[in-house]
C-alpha atoms as a PDB file:
ATOM      1  CA  MET A   1      10.434  11.403   9.842  1.00  0.00           C
ATOM      2  CA  THR A   2       8.550   9.502   7.134  1.00  0.00           C
ATOM      3  CA  ARG A   3       4.885  10.370   6.885  1.00  0.00           C
ATOM      4  CA  LEU A   4       4.090   7.993   4.081  1.00  0.00           C
ATOM      5  CA  GLU A   5       3.777   4.226   4.114  1.00  0.00           C
ATOM      6  CA  LEU A   6       5.751   2.933   1.142  1.00  0.00           C
ATOM      7  CA  GLY A   7       5.398  -0.816   1.522  1.00  0.00           C
ATOM      8  CA  CYS A   8       3.741  -3.712   3.271  1.00  0.00           C
ATOM      9  CA  ARG A   9       4.369  -7.419   3.722  1.00  0.00           C
ATOM     10  CA  GLY A  10       1.154  -9.212   2.855  1.00  0.00           C
ATOM     11  CA  ALA A  11       0.390 -12.578   4.484  1.00  0.00           C
ATOM     12  CA  ILE A  12       0.549 -15.590   2.142  1.00  0.00           C
ATOM     13  CA  PRO A  13      -0.582 -19.084   3.251  1.00  0.00           C
ATOM     14  CA  LYS A  14       2.131 -21.764   3.216  1.00  0.00           C
ATOM     15  CA  ARG A  15      -0.604 -24.375   2.715  1.00  0.00           C
ATOM     16  CA  ALA A  16      -4.327 -24.457   2.004  1.00  0.00           C
ATOM     17  CA  LEU A  17      -6.153 -23.055   5.046  1.00  0.00           C
ATOM     18  CA  LYS A  18      -9.679 -23.871   6.180  1.00  0.00           C
ATOM     19  CA  SER A  19     -12.360 -21.595   7.592  1.00  0.00           C
ATOM     20  CA  GLY A  20     -12.076 -21.389  11.385  1.00  0.00           C
ATOM     21  CA  GLU A  21      -8.315 -21.993  11.499  1.00  0.00           C
ATOM     22  CA  ALA A  22      -6.201 -19.572  13.498  1.00  0.00           C
ATOM     23  CA  LEU A  23      -3.179 -17.908  11.900  1.00  0.00           C
ATOM     24  CA  ASP A  24       0.028 -18.223  13.907  1.00  0.00           C
ATOM     25  CA  GLY A  25       1.933 -15.227  12.582  1.00  0.00           C
ATOM     26  CA  GLU A  26       5.188 -14.774  10.768  1.00  0.00           C
ATOM     27  CA  GLY A  27       7.777 -17.506  10.610  1.00  0.00           C
ATOM     28  CA  VAL A  28       5.692 -20.274  12.104  1.00  0.00           C
ATOM     29  CA  PHE A  29       3.499 -22.773  10.222  1.00  0.00           C
ATOM     30  CA  THR A  30       0.672 -20.986   8.410  1.00  0.00           C
ATOM     31  CA  VAL A  31       1.934 -17.847   6.635  1.00  0.00           C
ATOM     32  CA  TRP A  32       4.945 -16.073   5.139  1.00  0.00           C
ATOM     33  CA  GLY A  33       5.233 -12.422   4.055  1.00  0.00           C
ATOM     34  CA  ARG A  34       5.451 -10.991   0.526  1.00  0.00           C
ATOM     35  CA  GLN A  35       6.797  -7.445   0.246  1.00  0.00           C
ATOM     36  CA  MET A  36       4.638  -5.209  -1.913  1.00  0.00           C
ATOM     37  CA  PRO A  37       4.144  -1.476  -2.553  1.00  0.00           C
ATOM     38  CA  ALA A  38       1.662   0.132  -0.159  1.00  0.00           C
ATOM     39  CA  ALA A  39      -0.673   1.148  -2.996  1.00  0.00           C
ATOM     40  CA  ALA A  40      -0.853  -2.462  -4.235  1.00  0.00           C
ATOM     41  CA  SER A  41      -1.450  -3.665  -0.681  1.00  0.00           C
ATOM     42  CA  TYR A  42      -4.348  -1.240  -0.213  1.00  0.00           C
ATOM     43  CA  ALA A  43      -5.855  -2.111  -3.598  1.00  0.00           C
ATOM     44  CA  ALA A  44      -5.717  -5.852  -2.835  1.00  0.00           C
ATOM     45  CA  GLN A  45      -6.931  -5.335   0.744  1.00  0.00           C
ATOM     46  CA  ALA A  46      -3.923  -7.461   1.715  1.00  0.00           C
ATOM     47  CA  LEU A  47      -3.681  -8.643   5.300  1.00  0.00           C
ATOM     48  CA  PRO A  48      -0.344  -7.355   6.628  1.00  0.00           C
ATOM     49  CA  MET A  49       1.932  -9.771   8.468  1.00  0.00           C
ATOM     50  CA  GLY A  50       1.554  -7.629  11.579  1.00  0.00           C
ATOM     51  CA  LEU A  51      -2.112  -8.648  11.761  1.00  0.00           C
ATOM     52  CA  SER A  52      -1.569 -12.333  10.933  1.00  0.00           C
ATOM     53  CA  GLN A  53      -1.299 -13.698  14.451  1.00  0.00           C
ATOM     54  CA  CYS A  54      -4.354 -15.102  16.237  1.00  0.00           C
ATOM     55  CA  ASP A  55      -6.788 -14.094  13.500  1.00  0.00           C
ATOM     56  CA  ARG A  56      -9.412 -16.695  12.616  1.00  0.00           C
ATOM     57  CA  LEU A  57     -10.241 -17.382   8.997  1.00  0.00           C
ATOM     58  CA  GLN A  58     -13.842 -16.892   7.956  1.00  0.00           C
ATOM     59  CA  ARG A  59     -13.407 -18.731   4.648  1.00  0.00           C
ATOM     60  CA  ASP A  60     -11.054 -21.215   2.993  1.00  0.00           C
ATOM     61  CA  VAL A  61      -7.905 -19.766   1.396  1.00  0.00           C
ATOM     62  CA  ALA A  62      -5.705 -21.574  -1.140  1.00  0.00           C
ATOM     63  CA  GLU A  63      -1.981 -22.089  -0.659  1.00  0.00           C
ATOM     64  CA  GLY A  64      -0.066 -19.123  -2.106  1.00  0.00           C
ATOM     65  CA  ALA A  65      -3.093 -16.803  -2.345  1.00  0.00           C
ATOM     66  CA  MET A  66      -2.892 -13.347  -0.771  1.00  0.00           C
ATOM     67  CA  LEU A  67      -4.825 -13.220   2.499  1.00  0.00           C
ATOM     68  CA  THR A  68      -7.136 -10.214   2.647  1.00  0.00           C
ATOM     69  CA  HIS A  69      -8.984  -8.351   5.380  1.00  0.00           C
ATOM     70  CA  ASN A  70     -12.137 -10.131   4.167  1.00  0.00           C
ATOM     71  CA  ASP A  71     -10.612 -13.581   4.831  1.00  0.00           C
ATOM     72  CA  VAL A  72     -10.169 -13.070   8.585  1.00  0.00           C
ATOM     73  CA  VAL A  73     -12.130 -11.911  11.594  1.00  0.00           C
ATOM     74  CA  LEU A  74     -10.299  -8.835  12.895  1.00  0.00           C
ATOM     75  CA  ASP A  75     -10.797  -7.485  16.414  1.00  0.00           C
ATOM     76  CA  PRO A  76     -11.789  -3.801  16.035  1.00  0.00           C
ATOM     77  CA  GLN A  77     -10.545  -3.186  19.614  1.00  0.00           C
ATOM     78  CA  ASN A  78      -7.004  -4.265  18.651  1.00  0.00           C
ATOM     79  CA  PRO A  79      -4.811  -1.112  18.382  1.00  0.00           C
ATOM     80  CA  ALA A  80      -2.910  -2.608  15.419  1.00  0.00           C
ATOM     81  CA  VAL A  81      -6.175  -3.104  13.499  1.00  0.00           C
ATOM     82  CA  ALA A  82      -7.173   0.497  14.233  1.00  0.00           C
ATOM     83  CA  ALA A  83      -3.743   1.755  13.117  1.00  0.00           C
ATOM     84  CA  ARG A  84      -3.938  -0.174   9.834  1.00  0.00           C
ATOM     85  CA  SER A  85      -7.423   1.204   9.167  1.00  0.00           C
ATOM     86  CA  ALA A  86      -6.122   4.730   9.770  1.00  0.00           C
ATOM     87  CA  LEU A  87      -3.227   4.157   7.326  1.00  0.00           C
ATOM     88  CA  ILE A  88      -5.599   2.909   4.644  1.00  0.00           C
ATOM     89  CA  GLU A  89      -7.901   5.873   5.214  1.00  0.00           C
ATOM     90  CA  GLN A  90      -5.026   8.376   5.049  1.00  0.00           C
ATOM     91  CA  PHE A  91      -2.870   6.852   2.292  1.00  0.00           C
ATOM     92  CA  GLY A  92      -5.209   4.516   0.420  1.00  0.00           C
ATOM     93  CA  SER A  93      -5.103   6.637  -2.720  1.00  0.00           C
ATOM     94  CA  VAL A  94      -1.272   6.646  -2.912  1.00  0.00           C
ATOM     95  CA  GLY A  95      -0.062   5.262  -6.205  1.00  0.00           C
END
């Protein structure tokens, strides 16, 4: 069993997005995923594709820019958000 996260697919806007817009998740209209090493994902605070559905943007984001945790309003009660936070806490210094 792997005990180390090796990679992540960060969410990338397919078009310029405005504050207040909702993300619709992978393969729909707003974002696509870019594979990246876990350490680079943590360093960039990249928003993983798994958290890119139903999040609301809290600022404008340009087409092609990496979405970050700071760009969206995340629900702290969401188990996926809690799991991602735990991964960052445990493996954030991997490089």
